[in-house]
Amino acid sequence: MGIDQFLLLGAVGIAMLQTFLTKRGQYHSNVLSQSVSGKATRRGSISSRNISSITAFSIARTPRNALVAIGHIVQKQAYILAFSDTFYLLAICSAPCWSLRSWQPCC
């Protein structure tokens, strides 16, 4: 295998990881934003009272700015979870390589 093939395989691997990271980020963003939307009926949903308390104690002076701030927090958390998933995938994929590294043939 030449150096060009290794570079090509590395580029393909990075592209696959980037795609996985993007898709997992979208997934986590959708899951997290369901509990933030005004239509959520679960106990942990954001209500107008919560938004007014956010506007009172933060830089966000209007309810719209408070929702934008919450959206940024949700996006950051989604990316943190996506990176966690990506590192978990890398650990699973590299585990066979580490086990083969310590294996030695008998002869």
N, C-alpha and C. Protein backbone atom coordinates (compact mmCIF):
# COMPACT_ATOMS: atom_id res chain seq x y z
N MET A 1 0.84 -1.17 0.00
CA MET A 1 0.00 0.00 0.00
C MET A 1 0.88 1.24 0.00
N GLY A 2 0.64 2.12 -0.91
CA GLY A 2 1.43 3.33 -1.01
C GLY A 2 0.93 4.42 -0.09
N ILE A 3 1.71 5.48 -0.01
CA ILE A 3 1.35 6.60 0.85
C ILE A 3 0.08 7.29 0.36
N ASP A 4 -0.14 7.29 -0.95
CA ASP A 4 -1.36 7.90 -1.49
C ASP A 4 -2.62 7.17 -1.03
N GLN A 5 -2.52 5.85 -0.94
CA GLN A 5 -3.67 5.08 -0.50
C GLN A 5 -3.96 5.33 0.98
N PHE A 6 -2.92 5.47 1.79
CA PHE A 6 -3.13 5.79 3.20
C PHE A 6 -3.75 7.17 3.37
N LEU A 7 -3.31 8.12 2.56
CA LEU A 7 -3.89 9.46 2.63
C LEU A 7 -5.36 9.44 2.21
N LEU A 8 -5.65 8.67 1.18
CA LEU A 8 -7.03 8.56 0.72
C LEU A 8 -7.91 7.91 1.79
N LEU A 9 -7.41 6.84 2.41
CA LEU A 9 -8.17 6.18 3.47
C LEU A 9 -8.36 7.11 4.68
N GLY A 10 -7.35 7.90 4.99
CA GLY A 10 -7.48 8.86 6.08
C GLY A 10 -8.52 9.92 5.78
N ALA A 11 -8.55 10.39 4.54
CA ALA A 11 -9.54 11.39 4.15
C ALA A 11 -10.95 10.81 4.19
N VAL A 12 -11.10 9.57 3.77
CA VAL A 12 -12.41 8.92 3.81
C VAL A 12 -12.85 8.73 5.26
N GLY A 13 -11.92 8.33 6.12
CA GLY A 13 -12.25 8.15 7.54
C GLY A 13 -12.67 9.45 8.20
N ILE A 14 -11.97 10.52 7.90
CA ILE A 14 -12.32 11.82 8.47
C ILE A 14 -13.68 12.29 7.96
N ALA A 15 -13.96 12.05 6.69
CA ALA A 15 -15.27 12.43 6.13
C ALA A 15 -16.39 11.63 6.79
N MET A 16 -16.15 10.35 7.05
CA MET A 16 -17.16 9.53 7.71
C MET A 16 -17.40 10.00 9.14
N LEU A 17 -16.33 10.34 9.85
CA LEU A 17 -16.48 10.85 11.21
C LEU A 17 -17.21 12.19 11.23
N GLN A 18 -16.91 13.05 10.28
CA GLN A 18 -17.59 14.34 10.21
C GLN A 18 -19.08 14.17 9.93
N THR A 19 -19.42 13.24 9.04
CA THR A 19 -20.82 12.97 8.75
C THR A 19 -21.53 12.42 9.99
N PHE A 20 -20.87 11.49 10.68
CA PHE A 20 -21.45 10.93 11.91
C PHE A 20 -21.65 12.02 12.95
N LEU A 21 -20.66 12.89 13.11
CA LEU A 21 -20.74 13.98 14.08
C LEU A 21 -21.89 14.92 13.75
N THR A 22 -22.05 15.26 12.48
CA THR A 22 -23.12 16.16 12.06
C THR A 22 -24.49 15.54 12.30
N LYS A 23 -24.65 14.28 11.93
CA LYS A 23 -25.95 13.61 12.11
C LYS A 23 -26.30 13.44 13.58
N ARG A 24 -25.32 13.09 14.41
CA ARG A 24 -25.58 12.95 15.84
C ARG A 24 -25.88 14.31 16.48
N GLY A 25 -25.22 15.36 16.00
CA GLY A 25 -25.52 16.70 16.50
C GLY A 25 -26.94 17.10 16.18
N GLN A 26 -27.40 16.80 14.97
CA GLN A 26 -28.78 17.09 14.60
C GLN A 26 -29.77 16.29 15.44
N TYR A 27 -29.44 15.02 15.66
CA TYR A 27 -30.31 14.17 16.46
C TYR A 27 -30.45 14.72 17.88
N HIS A 28 -29.31 15.00 18.52
CA HIS A 28 -29.35 15.48 19.89
C HIS A 28 -30.01 16.86 19.98
N SER A 29 -29.80 17.69 18.98
CA SER A 29 -30.45 18.99 18.96
C SER A 29 -31.97 18.85 18.89
N ASN A 30 -32.44 17.92 18.07
CA ASN A 30 -33.89 17.69 17.96
C ASN A 30 -34.46 17.15 19.27
N VAL A 31 -33.74 16.22 19.88
CA VAL A 31 -34.24 15.62 21.12
C VAL A 31 -34.26 16.67 22.24
N LEU A 32 -33.19 17.46 22.35
CA LEU A 32 -33.13 18.46 23.41
C LEU A 32 -34.13 19.60 23.18
N SER A 33 -34.33 19.98 21.93
CA SER A 33 -35.22 21.11 21.67
C SER A 33 -36.69 20.75 21.86
N GLN A 34 -37.03 19.47 21.90
CA GLN A 34 -38.41 19.08 22.16
C GLN A 34 -38.85 19.49 23.55
N SER A 35 -37.94 19.43 24.50
CA SER A 35 -38.31 19.81 25.86
C SER A 35 -38.28 21.32 26.07
N VAL A 36 -37.70 22.05 25.11
CA VAL A 36 -37.61 23.50 25.24
C VAL A 36 -38.76 24.19 24.54
N SER A 37 -39.37 23.56 23.57
CA SER A 37 -40.42 24.22 22.79
C SER A 37 -41.63 24.51 23.66
N GLY A 38 -42.38 25.50 23.29
CA GLY A 38 -43.56 25.89 24.05
C GLY A 38 -44.67 24.86 24.00
N LYS A 39 -44.63 23.94 23.03
CA LYS A 39 -45.66 22.93 22.89
C LYS A 39 -45.40 21.69 23.72
N ALA A 40 -44.25 21.63 24.35
CA ALA A 40 -43.92 20.46 25.15
C ALA A 40 -44.84 20.39 26.38
N THR A 41 -45.31 19.22 26.69
CA THR A 41 -46.23 19.06 27.81
C THR A 41 -45.58 18.32 28.97
N ARG A 42 -44.34 17.93 28.84
CA ARG A 42 -43.68 17.23 29.92
C ARG A 42 -43.38 18.17 31.08
N ARG A 43 -43.01 17.59 32.17
CA ARG A 43 -42.75 18.36 33.38
C ARG A 43 -41.56 19.29 33.23
N GLY A 44 -40.55 18.91 32.44
CA GLY A 44 -39.35 19.71 32.31
C GLY A 44 -39.40 20.76 31.22
N SER A 45 -40.56 21.07 30.71
CA SER A 45 -40.64 22.03 29.60
C SER A 45 -40.46 23.46 30.11
N ILE A 46 -40.09 24.33 29.19
CA ILE A 46 -39.88 25.74 29.50
C ILE A 46 -41.23 26.46 29.41
N SER A 47 -41.62 27.14 30.45
CA SER A 47 -42.88 27.88 30.45
C SER A 47 -42.59 29.37 30.33
N SER A 48 -43.64 30.15 30.18
CA SER A 48 -43.47 31.59 30.09
C SER A 48 -42.92 32.16 31.40
N ARG A 49 -43.24 31.53 32.50
CA ARG A 49 -42.71 31.97 33.79
C ARG A 49 -41.20 31.76 33.85
N ASN A 50 -40.73 30.62 33.30
CA ASN A 50 -39.30 30.36 33.26
C ASN A 50 -38.59 31.38 32.36
N ILE A 51 -39.19 31.70 31.24
CA ILE A 51 -38.59 32.67 30.32
C ILE A 51 -38.52 34.05 30.96
N SER A 52 -39.57 34.42 31.70
CA SER A 52 -39.53 35.73 32.35
C SER A 52 -38.47 35.78 33.44
N SER A 53 -38.24 34.66 34.12
CA SER A 53 -37.17 34.65 35.12
C SER A 53 -35.80 34.69 34.46
N ILE A 54 -35.66 34.10 33.29
CA ILE A 54 -34.39 34.16 32.56
C ILE A 54 -34.12 35.59 32.11
N THR A 55 -35.15 36.28 31.64
CA THR A 55 -34.95 37.67 31.20
C THR A 55 -34.63 38.57 32.38
N ALA A 56 -35.14 38.26 33.56
CA ALA A 56 -34.90 39.12 34.72
C ALA A 56 -33.48 38.97 35.26
N PHE A 57 -32.89 37.79 35.16
CA PHE A 57 -31.59 37.54 35.79
C PHE A 57 -30.47 37.31 34.79
N SER A 58 -30.62 37.74 33.57
CA SER A 58 -29.55 37.51 32.60
C SER A 58 -29.39 38.73 31.69
N ILE A 59 -28.50 38.58 30.75
CA ILE A 59 -28.23 39.63 29.78
C ILE A 59 -29.42 39.78 28.82
N ALA A 60 -30.14 38.70 28.60
CA ALA A 60 -31.28 38.73 27.68
C ALA A 60 -32.37 39.61 28.27
N ARG A 61 -32.62 40.74 27.66
CA ARG A 61 -33.58 41.72 28.19
C ARG A 61 -35.00 41.50 27.68
N THR A 62 -35.16 40.72 26.63
CA THR A 62 -36.50 40.46 26.11
C THR A 62 -36.73 38.96 26.06
N PRO A 63 -37.98 38.53 26.01
CA PRO A 63 -38.25 37.09 25.92
C PRO A 63 -37.66 36.46 24.66
N ARG A 64 -37.61 37.21 23.56
CA ARG A 64 -37.02 36.66 22.33
C ARG A 64 -35.54 36.39 22.54
N ASN A 65 -34.83 37.32 23.17
CA ASN A 65 -33.41 37.10 23.44
C ASN A 65 -33.20 35.94 24.40
N ALA A 66 -34.14 35.76 25.33
CA ALA A 66 -34.04 34.62 26.24
C ALA A 66 -34.17 33.31 25.48
N LEU A 67 -35.10 33.25 24.53
CA LEU A 67 -35.25 32.04 23.72
C LEU A 67 -34.03 31.80 22.85
N VAL A 68 -33.44 32.86 22.32
CA VAL A 68 -32.22 32.71 21.53
C VAL A 68 -31.09 32.18 22.40
N ALA A 69 -30.99 32.69 23.62
CA ALA A 69 -29.96 32.22 24.54
C ALA A 69 -30.16 30.75 24.89
N ILE A 70 -31.41 30.37 25.10
CA ILE A 70 -31.71 28.95 25.37
C ILE A 70 -31.36 28.10 24.16
N GLY A 71 -31.64 28.60 22.96
CA GLY A 71 -31.29 27.87 21.75
C GLY A 71 -29.79 27.65 21.62
N HIS A 72 -29.00 28.65 21.98
CA HIS A 72 -27.54 28.50 21.94
C HIS A 72 -27.07 27.46 22.96
N ILE A 73 -27.68 27.47 24.12
CA ILE A 73 -27.32 26.48 25.14
C ILE A 73 -27.66 25.07 24.68
N VAL A 74 -28.83 24.91 24.06
CA VAL A 74 -29.24 23.61 23.54
C VAL A 74 -28.28 23.15 22.45
N GLN A 75 -27.86 24.07 21.57
CA GLN A 75 -26.95 23.71 20.49
C GLN A 75 -25.59 23.28 21.04
N LYS A 76 -25.09 23.98 22.05
CA LYS A 76 -23.82 23.60 22.66
C LYS A 76 -23.91 22.22 23.29
N GLN A 77 -24.99 21.97 24.00
CA GLN A 77 -25.16 20.67 24.64
C GLN A 77 -25.30 19.56 23.61
N ALA A 78 -25.97 19.84 22.50
CA ALA A 78 -26.11 18.84 21.44
C ALA A 78 -24.75 18.49 20.85
N TYR A 79 -23.89 19.49 20.65
CA TYR A 79 -22.56 19.20 20.13
C TYR A 79 -21.70 18.44 21.13
N ILE A 80 -21.86 18.73 22.41
CA ILE A 80 -21.12 17.98 23.42
C ILE A 80 -21.53 16.51 23.39
N LEU A 81 -22.82 16.26 23.31
CA LEU A 81 -23.30 14.88 23.23
C LEU A 81 -22.86 14.20 21.94
N ALA A 82 -22.84 14.95 20.84
CA ALA A 82 -22.41 14.38 19.56
C ALA A 82 -20.93 14.01 19.60
N PHE A 83 -20.11 14.86 20.19
CA PHE A 83 -18.69 14.53 20.32
C PHE A 83 -18.50 13.32 21.24
N SER A 84 -19.31 13.22 22.28
CA SER A 84 -19.25 12.06 23.16
C SER A 84 -19.57 10.78 22.39
N ASP A 85 -20.60 10.83 21.55
CA ASP A 85 -20.96 9.68 20.73
C ASP A 85 -19.84 9.33 19.75
N THR A 86 -19.20 10.35 19.19
CA THR A 86 -18.13 10.12 18.23
C THR A 86 -16.93 9.45 18.89
N PHE A 87 -16.56 9.91 20.07
CA PHE A 87 -15.44 9.27 20.77
C PHE A 87 -15.80 7.85 21.19
N TYR A 88 -17.05 7.62 21.54
CA TYR A 88 -17.50 6.27 21.86
C TYR A 88 -17.38 5.37 20.63
N LEU A 89 -17.78 5.86 19.47
CA LEU A 89 -17.64 5.10 18.23
C LEU A 89 -16.17 4.80 17.93
N LEU A 90 -15.31 5.79 18.11
CA LEU A 90 -13.88 5.57 17.88
C LEU A 90 -13.31 4.51 18.82
N ALA A 91 -13.76 4.52 20.07
CA ALA A 91 -13.29 3.52 21.03
C ALA A 91 -13.72 2.13 20.63
N ILE A 92 -14.96 2.00 20.18
CA ILE A 92 -15.46 0.69 19.77
C ILE A 92 -14.72 0.19 18.53
N CYS A 93 -14.47 1.10 17.58
CA CYS A 93 -13.81 0.70 16.34
C CYS A 93 -12.33 0.40 16.55
N SER A 94 -11.70 1.05 17.51
CA SER A 94 -10.27 0.82 17.71
C SER A 94 -9.97 -0.30 18.69
N ALA A 95 -10.97 -0.81 19.40
CA ALA A 95 -10.75 -1.88 20.37
C ALA A 95 -10.16 -3.14 19.72
N PRO A 96 -10.65 -3.60 18.56
CA PRO A 96 -10.01 -4.77 17.95
C PRO A 96 -8.55 -4.52 17.57
N CYS A 97 -8.23 -3.32 17.19
CA CYS A 97 -6.84 -3.02 16.82
C CYS A 97 -5.93 -3.12 18.04
N TRP A 98 -6.39 -2.65 19.19
CA TRP A 98 -5.58 -2.73 20.41
C TRP A 98 -5.43 -4.17 20.88
N SER A 99 -6.44 -4.98 20.69
CA SER A 99 -6.32 -6.38 21.10
C SER A 99 -5.38 -7.14 20.17
N LEU A 100 -5.38 -6.81 18.89
CA LEU A 100 -4.46 -7.47 17.96
C LEU A 100 -3.02 -7.01 18.15
N ARG A 101 -2.85 -5.85 18.70
CA ARG A 101 -1.51 -5.31 18.91
C ARG A 101 -0.72 -6.16 19.90
N SER A 102 -1.37 -6.68 20.91
CA SER A 102 -0.68 -7.48 21.92
C SER A 102 -0.59 -8.96 21.54
N TRP A 103 -1.27 -9.36 20.48
CA TRP A 103 -1.24 -10.75 20.05
C TRP A 103 0.05 -11.05 19.32
N GLN A 104 0.65 -12.19 19.64
CA GLN A 104 1.88 -12.61 18.96
C GLN A 104 1.68 -14.03 18.46
N PRO A 105 2.16 -14.30 17.26
CA PRO A 105 2.01 -15.67 16.74
C PRO A 105 2.87 -16.64 17.56
N CYS A 106 2.44 -17.89 17.58
CA CYS A 106 3.15 -18.88 18.39
C CYS A 106 4.49 -19.29 17.76
N CYS A 107 4.64 -19.14 16.49
CA CYS A 107 5.88 -19.60 15.83
C CYS A 107 6.71 -18.46 15.31
